[in-house]
Each structure stands twice: as structure tokens, then as C-alpha cells.
């Protein structure tokens, strides 16, 4: 699995969060801080989409091709749990 895009997004988000911390420490304007927080959230969401897409393309596809009903059910349950969590935070 190619994790380079996800990793880069996460590193960018980390840098942004570190910048936000400095903004708060330096008592910067609240709206500017909020905008940077939202930008960080956006990067984390993009990284999550990349990771979930990779999971579908590799792990779920592999389980389906194995034709092992137990493995398929495990992968379906994992995705259901993620979707349930996502529906709570949207």
C-alpha cells in the first residue's frame, strides 16, 4: 500500500497544528486561529479518506477475493464501525 500521500497530509496537518499552538501562545486574533484549525481539520479529513480508500482497495478487496465469509464479515463490520463514528461527528 502506498501511504506516501496520507503520510504527507498528516505531516502537513502536524505542522499546521504546531503553528496554531504558536498562534495561541502569541495571542493572535481568534478568527485567524480558527481558520488555521479548520485548515488542519481539512487535511486530517483528506488523510482519512486516503487511508480508507487504501483499505478498500487492498484489505477489503483481498478479503473479498479470498471468499472467506468470516474475513469478509470482519471487513464489513470494520467499515460499519467507521461509518457509524463518522455519522456522529458530521
PDB file of N, CA and C in Angstrom:
ATOM      1  N   UNK A   1       0.838  -1.174   0.000  1.00  0.00           N
ATOM      2  CA  UNK A   1       0.000   0.000   0.000  1.00  0.00           C
ATOM      3  C   UNK A   1       0.884   1.239   0.000  1.00  0.00           C
ATOM      4  N   UNK A   2       0.535   2.208  -0.836  1.00  0.00           N
ATOM      5  CA  UNK A   2       1.276   3.462  -0.906  1.00  0.00           C
ATOM      6  C   UNK A   2       0.705   4.445   0.114  1.00  0.00           C
ATOM      7  N   UNK A   3       1.451   4.658   1.159  1.00  0.00           N
ATOM      8  CA  UNK A   3       0.998   5.539   2.229  1.00  0.00           C
ATOM      9  C   UNK A   3       1.600   6.929   2.120  1.00  0.00           C
ATOM     10  N   UNK A   4       2.345   7.191   1.066  1.00  0.00           N
ATOM     11  CA  UNK A   4       3.084   8.456   0.982  1.00  0.00           C
ATOM     12  C   UNK A   4       2.157   9.671   0.971  1.00  0.00           C
ATOM     13  N   UNK A   5       1.036   9.594   0.255  1.00  0.00           N
ATOM     14  CA  UNK A   5       0.117  10.735   0.197  1.00  0.00           C
ATOM     15  C   UNK A   5      -0.511  10.975   1.568  1.00  0.00           C
ATOM     16  N   UNK A   6      -0.947   9.909   2.227  1.00  0.00           N
ATOM     17  CA  UNK A   6      -1.532  10.030   3.568  1.00  0.00           C
ATOM     18  C   UNK A   6      -0.501  10.582   4.543  1.00  0.00           C
ATOM     19  N   UNK A   7       0.701  10.059   4.470  1.00  0.00           N
ATOM     20  CA  UNK A   7       1.759  10.494   5.370  1.00  0.00           C
ATOM     21  C   UNK A   7       2.069  11.973   5.173  1.00  0.00           C
ATOM     22  N   UNK A   8       2.123  12.420   3.934  1.00  0.00           N
ATOM     23  CA  UNK A   8       2.398  13.835   3.663  1.00  0.00           C
ATOM     24  C   UNK A   8       1.277  14.718   4.200  1.00  0.00           C
ATOM     25  N   UNK A   9       0.033  14.306   4.006  1.00  0.00           N
ATOM     26  CA  UNK A   9      -1.096  15.074   4.538  1.00  0.00           C
ATOM     27  C   UNK A   9      -1.021  15.165   6.060  1.00  0.00           C
ATOM     28  N   UNK A  10      -0.681  14.054   6.709  1.00  0.00           N
ATOM     29  CA  UNK A  10      -0.582  14.044   8.172  1.00  0.00           C
ATOM     30  C   UNK A  10       0.567  14.929   8.660  1.00  0.00           C
ATOM     31  N   UNK A  11       1.680  14.894   7.962  1.00  0.00           N
ATOM     32  CA  UNK A  11       2.806  15.755   8.339  1.00  0.00           C
ATOM     33  C   UNK A  11       2.442  17.230   8.166  1.00  0.00           C
ATOM     34  N   UNK A  12       1.729  17.543   7.085  1.00  0.00           N
ATOM     35  CA  UNK A  12       1.279  18.914   6.873  1.00  0.00           C
ATOM     36  C   UNK A  12       0.326  19.349   7.990  1.00  0.00           C
ATOM     37  N   UNK A  13      -0.583  18.456   8.373  1.00  0.00           N
ATOM     38  CA  UNK A  13      -1.525  18.765   9.455  1.00  0.00           C
ATOM     39  C   UNK A  13      -0.772  18.981  10.765  1.00  0.00           C
ATOM     40  N   UNK A  14       0.226  18.148  11.007  1.00  0.00           N
ATOM     41  CA  UNK A  14       1.044  18.300  12.221  1.00  0.00           C
ATOM     42  C   UNK A  14       1.697  19.683  12.250  1.00  0.00           C
ATOM     43  N   UNK A  15       2.268  20.088  11.127  1.00  0.00           N
ATOM     44  CA  UNK A  15       2.894  21.406  11.044  1.00  0.00           C
ATOM     45  C   UNK A  15       1.898  22.517  11.275  1.00  0.00           C
ATOM     46  N   UNK A  16       0.707  22.353  10.738  1.00  0.00           N
ATOM     47  CA  UNK A  16      -0.324  23.376  10.932  1.00  0.00           C
ATOM     48  C   UNK A  16      -0.756  23.451  12.390  1.00  0.00           C
ATOM     49  N   UNK A  17      -0.919  22.298  13.029  1.00  0.00           N
ATOM     50  CA  UNK A  17      -1.313  22.284  14.440  1.00  0.00           C
ATOM     51  C   UNK A  17      -0.231  22.948  15.288  1.00  0.00           C
ATOM     52  N   UNK A  18       1.020  22.666  14.981  1.00  0.00           N
ATOM     53  CA  UNK A  18       2.116  23.315  15.709  1.00  0.00           C
ATOM     54  C   UNK A  18       2.077  24.830  15.510  1.00  0.00           C
ATOM     55  N   UNK A  19       1.738  25.267  14.304  1.00  0.00           N
ATOM     56  CA  UNK A  19       1.620  26.703  14.025  1.00  0.00           C
ATOM     57  C   UNK A  19       0.436  27.301  14.790  1.00  0.00           C
ATOM     58  N   UNK A  20      -0.653  26.566  14.889  1.00  0.00           N
ATOM     59  CA  UNK A  20      -1.820  27.045  15.638  1.00  0.00           C
ATOM     60  C   UNK A  20      -1.464  27.216  17.115  1.00  0.00           C
ATOM     61  N   UNK A  21      -0.725  26.269  17.658  1.00  0.00           N
ATOM     62  CA  UNK A  21      -0.303  26.361  19.057  1.00  0.00           C
ATOM     63  C   UNK A  21       0.501  27.645  19.277  1.00  0.00           C
ATOM     64  N   UNK A  22       1.401  27.933  18.353  1.00  0.00           N
ATOM     65  CA  UNK A  22       2.198  29.160  18.464  1.00  0.00           C
ATOM     66  C   UNK A  22       1.308  30.399  18.347  1.00  0.00           C
ATOM     67  N   UNK A  23       0.300  30.324  17.480  1.00  0.00           N
ATOM     68  CA  UNK A  23      -0.628  31.443  17.337  1.00  0.00           C
ATOM     69  C   UNK A  23      -1.356  31.710  18.655  1.00  0.00           C
ATOM     70  N   UNK A  24      -1.789  30.655  19.314  1.00  0.00           N
ATOM     71  CA  UNK A  24      -2.479  30.801  20.598  1.00  0.00           C
ATOM     72  C   UNK A  24      -1.518  31.357  21.639  1.00  0.00           C
ATOM     73  N   UNK A  25      -0.309  30.820  21.662  1.00  0.00           N
ATOM     74  CA  UNK A  25       0.699  31.300  22.621  1.00  0.00           C
ATOM     75  C   UNK A  25       1.020  32.778  22.407  1.00  0.00           C
ATOM     76  N   UNK A  26       0.977  33.209  21.148  1.00  0.00           N
ATOM     77  CA  UNK A  26       1.287  34.602  20.814  1.00  0.00           C
ATOM     78  C   UNK A  26       0.057  35.502  20.827  1.00  0.00           C
ATOM     79  N   UNK A  27      -1.066  34.940  21.308  1.00  0.00           N
ATOM     80  CA  UNK A  27      -2.311  35.712  21.459  1.00  0.00           C
ATOM     81  C   UNK A  27      -2.765  36.339  20.144  1.00  0.00           C
ATOM     82  N   UNK A  28      -2.719  35.544  19.093  1.00  0.00           N
ATOM     83  CA  UNK A  28      -3.155  36.023  17.773  1.00  0.00           C
ATOM     84  C   UNK A  28      -4.674  36.155  17.728  1.00  0.00           C
ATOM     85  N   UNK A  29      -5.148  36.798  16.704  1.00  0.00           N
ATOM     86  CA  UNK A  29      -6.575  37.052  16.508  1.00  0.00           C
ATOM     87  C   UNK A  29      -7.340  35.731  16.396  1.00  0.00           C
ATOM     88  N   UNK A  30      -8.436  35.642  17.146  1.00  0.00           N
ATOM     89  CA  UNK A  30      -9.198  34.390  17.256  1.00  0.00           C
ATOM     90  C   UNK A  30      -9.661  33.836  15.906  1.00  0.00           C
ATOM     91  N   UNK A  31     -10.125  34.695  15.042  1.00  0.00           N
ATOM     92  CA  UNK A  31     -10.619  34.229  13.738  1.00  0.00           C
ATOM     93  C   UNK A  31      -9.485  33.639  12.914  1.00  0.00           C
ATOM     94  N   UNK A  32      -8.313  34.229  12.986  1.00  0.00           N
ATOM     95  CA  UNK A  32      -7.152  33.676  12.281  1.00  0.00           C
ATOM     96  C   UNK A  32      -6.808  32.285  12.821  1.00  0.00           C
ATOM     97  N   UNK A  33      -6.879  32.135  14.128  1.00  0.00           N
ATOM     98  CA  UNK A  33      -6.609  30.828  14.745  1.00  0.00           C
ATOM     99  C   UNK A  33      -7.651  29.816  14.288  1.00  0.00           C
ATOM    100  N   UNK A  34      -8.904  30.224  14.321  1.00  0.00           N
ATOM    101  CA  UNK A  34      -9.988  29.327  13.909  1.00  0.00           C
ATOM    102  C   UNK A  34      -9.817  28.858  12.466  1.00  0.00           C
ATOM    103  N   UNK A  35      -9.445  29.776  11.592  1.00  0.00           N
ATOM    104  CA  UNK A  35      -9.235  29.411  10.180  1.00  0.00           C
ATOM    105  C   UNK A  35      -8.125  28.373  10.037  1.00  0.00           C
ATOM    106  N   UNK A  36      -7.075  28.527  10.815  1.00  0.00           N
ATOM    107  CA  UNK A  36      -5.966  27.561  10.750  1.00  0.00           C
ATOM    108  C   UNK A  36      -6.379  26.208  11.330  1.00  0.00           C
ATOM    109  N   UNK A  37      -7.200  26.236  12.362  1.00  0.00           N
ATOM    110  CA  UNK A  37      -7.716  24.974  12.911  1.00  0.00           C
ATOM    111  C   UNK A  37      -8.564  24.264  11.862  1.00  0.00           C
ATOM    112  N   UNK A  38      -9.425  25.005  11.176  1.00  0.00           N
ATOM    113  CA  UNK A  38     -10.266  24.409  10.132  1.00  0.00           C
ATOM    114  C   UNK A  38      -9.419  23.847   8.989  1.00  0.00           C
ATOM    115  N   UNK A  39      -8.342  24.532   8.656  1.00  0.00           N
ATOM    116  CA  UNK A  39      -7.441  24.024   7.610  1.00  0.00           C
ATOM    117  C   UNK A  39      -6.788  22.722   8.060  1.00  0.00           C
ATOM    118  N   UNK A  40      -6.431  22.631   9.334  1.00  0.00           N
ATOM    119  CA  UNK A  40      -5.845  21.399   9.878  1.00  0.00           C
ATOM    120  C   UNK A  40      -6.848  20.254   9.833  1.00  0.00           C
ATOM    121  N   UNK A  41      -8.082  20.561  10.205  1.00  0.00           N
ATOM    122  CA  UNK A  41      -9.139  19.549  10.164  1.00  0.00           C
ATOM    123  C   UNK A  41      -9.329  19.041   8.740  1.00  0.00           C
ATOM    124  N   UNK A  42      -9.295  19.942   7.786  1.00  0.00           N
ATOM    125  CA  UNK A  42      -9.451  19.560   6.383  1.00  0.00           C
ATOM    126  C   UNK A  42      -8.349  18.595   5.943  1.00  0.00           C
ATOM    127  N   UNK A  43      -7.118  18.876   6.341  1.00  0.00           N
ATOM    128  CA  UNK A  43      -6.011  17.976   5.999  1.00  0.00           C
ATOM    129  C   UNK A  43      -6.192  16.602   6.646  1.00  0.00           C
ATOM    130  N   UNK A  44      -6.638  16.578   7.885  1.00  0.00           N
ATOM    131  CA  UNK A  44      -6.867  15.299   8.564  1.00  0.00           C
ATOM    132  C   UNK A  44      -7.986  14.512   7.890  1.00  0.00           C
ATOM    133  N   UNK A  45      -9.023  15.207   7.453  1.00  0.00           N
ATOM    134  CA  UNK A  45     -10.117  14.531   6.741  1.00  0.00           C
ATOM    135  C   UNK A  45      -9.611  13.936   5.425  1.00  0.00           C
ATOM    136  N   UNK A  46      -8.788  14.694   4.711  1.00  0.00           N
ATOM    137  CA  UNK A  46      -8.235  14.185   3.450  1.00  0.00           C
ATOM    138  C   UNK A  46      -7.360  12.960   3.697  1.00  0.00           C
ATOM    139  N   UNK A  47      -6.555  13.003   4.743  1.00  0.00           N
ATOM    140  CA  UNK A  47      -5.714  11.852   5.080  1.00  0.00           C
ATOM    141  C   UNK A  47      -6.580  10.642   5.422  1.00  0.00           C
ATOM    142  N   UNK A  48      -7.654  10.872   6.141  1.00  0.00           N
ATOM    143  CA  UNK A  48      -8.555   9.776   6.492  1.00  0.00           C
ATOM    144  C   UNK A  48      -9.186   9.153   5.252  1.00  0.00           C
ATOM    145  N   UNK A  49      -9.601   9.979   4.316  1.00  0.00           N
ATOM    146  CA  UNK A  49     -10.182   9.472   3.062  1.00  0.00           C
ATOM    147  C   UNK A  49      -9.157   8.628   2.312  1.00  0.00           C
ATOM    148  N   UNK A  50      -7.920   9.102   2.243  1.00  0.00           N
ATOM    149  CA  UNK A  50      -6.857   8.339   1.576  1.00  0.00           C
ATOM    150  C   UNK A  50      -6.659   6.978   2.238  1.00  0.00           C
ATOM    151  N   UNK A  51      -6.625   6.964   3.555  1.00  0.00           N
ATOM    152  CA  UNK A  51      -6.405   5.719   4.284  1.00  0.00           C
ATOM    153  C   UNK A  51      -7.585   4.774   4.106  1.00  0.00           C
ATOM    154  N   UNK A  52      -8.807   5.295   4.167  1.00  0.00           N
ATOM    155  CA  UNK A  52      -9.980   4.436   3.967  1.00  0.00           C
ATOM    156  C   UNK A  52     -10.057   3.909   2.533  1.00  0.00           C
ATOM    157  N   UNK A  53      -9.723   4.751   1.559  1.00  0.00           N
ATOM    158  CA  UNK A  53      -9.698   4.282   0.166  1.00  0.00           C
ATOM    159  C   UNK A  53      -8.671   3.168  -0.013  1.00  0.00           C
ATOM    160  N   UNK A  54      -7.523   3.330   0.602  1.00  0.00           N
ATOM    161  CA  UNK A  54      -6.491   2.306   0.531  1.00  0.00           C
ATOM    162  C   UNK A  54      -6.967   1.009   1.184  1.00  0.00           C
ATOM    163  N   UNK A  55      -7.660   1.155   2.300  1.00  0.00           N
ATOM    164  CA  UNK A  55      -8.206  -0.021   2.985  1.00  0.00           C
ATOM    165  C   UNK A  55      -9.183  -0.768   2.072  1.00  0.00           C
ATOM    166  N   UNK A  56     -10.035  -0.024   1.391  1.00  0.00           N
ATOM    167  CA  UNK A  56     -10.990  -0.649   0.464  1.00  0.00           C
ATOM    168  C   UNK A  56     -10.273  -1.338  -0.687  1.00  0.00           C
ATOM    169  N   UNK A  57      -9.296  -0.643  -1.262  1.00  0.00           N
ATOM    170  CA  UNK A  57      -8.588  -1.177  -2.426  1.00  0.00           C
ATOM    171  C   UNK A  57      -7.730  -2.395  -2.107  1.00  0.00           C
ATOM    172  N   UNK A  58      -7.234  -2.468  -0.898  1.00  0.00           N
ATOM    173  CA  UNK A  58      -6.318  -3.553  -0.567  1.00  0.00           C
ATOM    174  C   UNK A  58      -6.949  -4.575   0.379  1.00  0.00           C
ATOM    175  N   UNK A  59      -7.247  -4.152   1.577  1.00  0.00           N
ATOM    176  CA  UNK A  59      -7.702  -5.092   2.611  1.00  0.00           C
ATOM    177  C   UNK A  59      -9.072  -5.687   2.299  1.00  0.00           C
ATOM    178  N   UNK A  60     -10.021  -4.822   1.937  1.00  0.00           N
ATOM    179  CA  UNK A  60     -11.376  -5.313   1.661  1.00  0.00           C
ATOM    180  C   UNK A  60     -11.389  -6.137   0.380  1.00  0.00           C
ATOM    181  N   UNK A  61     -10.687  -5.659  -0.633  1.00  0.00           N
ATOM    182  CA  UNK A  61     -10.621  -6.400  -1.895  1.00  0.00           C
ATOM    183  C   UNK A  61      -9.984  -7.776  -1.684  1.00  0.00           C
ATOM    184  N   UNK A  62      -8.916  -7.811  -0.893  1.00  0.00           N
ATOM    185  CA  UNK A  62      -8.235  -9.073  -0.605  1.00  0.00           C
ATOM    186  C   UNK A  62      -9.173 -10.038   0.127  1.00  0.00           C
ATOM    187  N   UNK A  63      -9.932  -9.523   1.083  1.00  0.00           N
ATOM    188  CA  UNK A  63     -10.881 -10.367   1.809  1.00  0.00           C
ATOM    189  C   UNK A  63     -11.952 -10.908   0.872  1.00  0.00           C
ATOM    190  N   UNK A  64     -12.448 -10.057  -0.027  1.00  0.00           N
ATOM    191  CA  UNK A  64     -13.481 -10.497  -0.977  1.00  0.00           C
ATOM    192  C   UNK A  64     -12.945 -11.563  -1.922  1.00  0.00           C
ATOM    193  N   UNK A  65     -11.717 -11.369  -2.387  1.00  0.00           N
ATOM    194  CA  UNK A  65     -11.130 -12.343  -3.302  1.00  0.00           C
ATOM    195  C   UNK A  65     -10.807 -13.664  -2.612  1.00  0.00           C
ATOM    196  N   UNK A  66     -10.605 -13.621  -1.293  1.00  0.00           N
ATOM    197  CA  UNK A  66     -10.318 -14.859  -0.560  1.00  0.00           C
ATOM    198  C   UNK A  66     -11.552 -15.749  -0.452  1.00  0.00           C
ATOM    199  N   UNK A  67     -12.722 -15.120  -0.601  1.00  0.00           N
ATOM    200  CA  UNK A  67     -14.009 -15.814  -0.499  1.00  0.00           C
ATOM    201  C   UNK A  67     -14.205 -16.457   0.872  1.00  0.00           C
ATOM    202  N   UNK A  68     -13.507 -15.940   1.871  1.00  0.00           N
ATOM    203  CA  UNK A  68     -13.649 -16.406   3.246  1.00  0.00           C
ATOM    204  C   UNK A  68     -14.749 -15.575   3.908  1.00  0.00           C
ATOM    205  N   UNK A  69     -15.922 -16.163   4.141  1.00  0.00           N
ATOM    206  CA  UNK A  69     -17.047 -15.399   4.692  1.00  0.00           C
ATOM    207  C   UNK A  69     -16.725 -14.711   6.022  1.00  0.00           C
ATOM    208  N   UNK A  70     -15.937 -15.346   6.861  1.00  0.00           N
ATOM    209  CA  UNK A  70     -15.589 -14.744   8.143  1.00  0.00           C
ATOM    210  C   UNK A  70     -14.734 -13.494   7.945  1.00  0.00           C
ATOM    211  N   UNK A  71     -13.761 -13.582   7.067  1.00  0.00           N
ATOM    212  CA  UNK A  71     -12.888 -12.431   6.790  1.00  0.00           C
ATOM    213  C   UNK A  71     -13.681 -11.292   6.148  1.00  0.00           C
ATOM    214  N   UNK A  72     -14.563 -11.619   5.239  1.00  0.00           N
ATOM    215  CA  UNK A  72     -15.413 -10.607   4.595  1.00  0.00           C
ATOM    216  C   UNK A  72     -16.283  -9.911   5.637  1.00  0.00           C
ATOM    217  N   UNK A  73     -16.886 -10.682   6.542  1.00  0.00           N
ATOM    218  CA  UNK A  73     -17.734 -10.105   7.584  1.00  0.00           C
ATOM    219  C   UNK A  73     -16.944  -9.199   8.524  1.00  0.00           C
ATOM    220  N   UNK A  74     -15.711  -9.569   8.809  1.00  0.00           N
ATOM    221  CA  UNK A  74     -14.857  -8.735   9.654  1.00  0.00           C
ATOM    222  C   UNK A  74     -14.618  -7.378   8.985  1.00  0.00           C
ATOM    223  N   UNK A  75     -14.299  -7.405   7.699  1.00  0.00           N
ATOM    224  CA  UNK A  75     -14.025  -6.158   6.976  1.00  0.00           C
ATOM    225  C   UNK A  75     -15.279  -5.294   6.881  1.00  0.00           C
ATOM    226  N   UNK A  76     -16.424  -5.916   6.660  1.00  0.00           N
ATOM    227  CA  UNK A  76     -17.685  -5.177   6.605  1.00  0.00           C
ATOM    228  C   UNK A  76     -17.969  -4.535   7.955  1.00  0.00           C
ATOM    229  N   UNK A  77     -17.774  -5.280   9.030  1.00  0.00           N
ATOM    230  CA  UNK A  77     -18.017  -4.768  10.377  1.00  0.00           C
ATOM    231  C   UNK A  77     -17.088  -3.587  10.670  1.00  0.00           C
ATOM    232  N   UNK A  78     -15.822  -3.697  10.274  1.00  0.00           N
ATOM    233  CA  UNK A  78     -14.881  -2.590  10.478  1.00  0.00           C
ATOM    234  C   UNK A  78     -15.374  -1.320   9.792  1.00  0.00           C
ATOM    235  N   UNK A  79     -15.817  -1.460   8.541  1.00  0.00           N
ATOM    236  CA  UNK A  79     -16.303  -0.297   7.800  1.00  0.00           C
ATOM    237  C   UNK A  79     -17.588   0.256   8.411  1.00  0.00           C
ATOM    238  N   UNK A  80     -18.457  -0.620   8.874  1.00  0.00           N
ATOM    239  CA  UNK A  80     -19.683  -0.163   9.536  1.00  0.00           C
ATOM    240  C   UNK A  80     -19.361   0.670  10.773  1.00  0.00           C
ATOM    241  N   UNK A  81     -18.364   0.235  11.531  1.00  0.00           N
ATOM    242  CA  UNK A  81     -17.963   0.970  12.738  1.00  0.00           C
ATOM    243  C   UNK A  81     -17.420   2.355  12.383  1.00  0.00           C
ATOM    244  N   UNK A  82     -16.609   2.425  11.344  1.00  0.00           N
ATOM    245  CA  UNK A  82     -16.072   3.721  10.911  1.00  0.00           C
ATOM    246  C   UNK A  82     -17.198   4.627  10.432  1.00  0.00           C
ATOM    247  N   UNK A  83     -18.115   4.079   9.631  1.00  0.00           N
ATOM    248  CA  UNK A  83     -19.238   4.882   9.127  1.00  0.00           C
ATOM    249  C   UNK A  83     -20.133   5.368  10.260  1.00  0.00           C
ATOM    250  N   UNK A  84     -20.339   4.518  11.253  1.00  0.00           N
ATOM    251  CA  UNK A  84     -21.156   4.923  12.403  1.00  0.00           C
ATOM    252  C   UNK A  84     -20.475   6.078  13.140  1.00  0.00           C
ATOM    253  N   UNK A  85     -19.179   5.971  13.339  1.00  0.00           N
ATOM    254  CA  UNK A  85     -18.423   7.033  14.007  1.00  0.00           C
ATOM    255  C   UNK A  85     -18.483   8.327  13.184  1.00  0.00           C
ATOM    256  N   UNK A  86     -18.284   8.200  11.885  1.00  0.00           N
ATOM    257  CA  UNK A  86     -18.325   9.385  11.017  1.00  0.00           C
ATOM    258  C   UNK A  86     -19.693  10.067  11.049  1.00  0.00           C
ATOM    259  N   UNK A  87     -20.751   9.285  11.137  1.00  0.00           N
ATOM    260  CA  UNK A  87     -22.084   9.875  11.156  1.00  0.00           C
ATOM    261  C   UNK A  87     -22.330  10.681  12.437  1.00  0.00           C
ATOM    262  N   UNK A  88     -21.580  10.380  13.494  1.00  0.00           N
ATOM    263  CA  UNK A  88     -21.730  11.102  14.766  1.00  0.00           C
ATOM    264  C   UNK A  88     -20.967  12.417  14.762  1.00  0.00           C
ATOM    265  N   UNK A  89     -19.892  12.513  13.980  1.00  0.00           N
ATOM    266  CA  UNK A  89     -19.061  13.714  14.031  1.00  0.00           C
ATOM    267  C   UNK A  89     -19.354  14.701  12.907  1.00  0.00           C
ATOM    268  N   UNK A  90     -20.229  14.335  12.010  1.00  0.00           N
ATOM    269  CA  UNK A  90     -20.521  15.229  10.879  1.00  0.00           C
ATOM    270  C   UNK A  90     -21.529  16.284  11.268  1.00  0.00           C
TER     271      UNK A  90
END
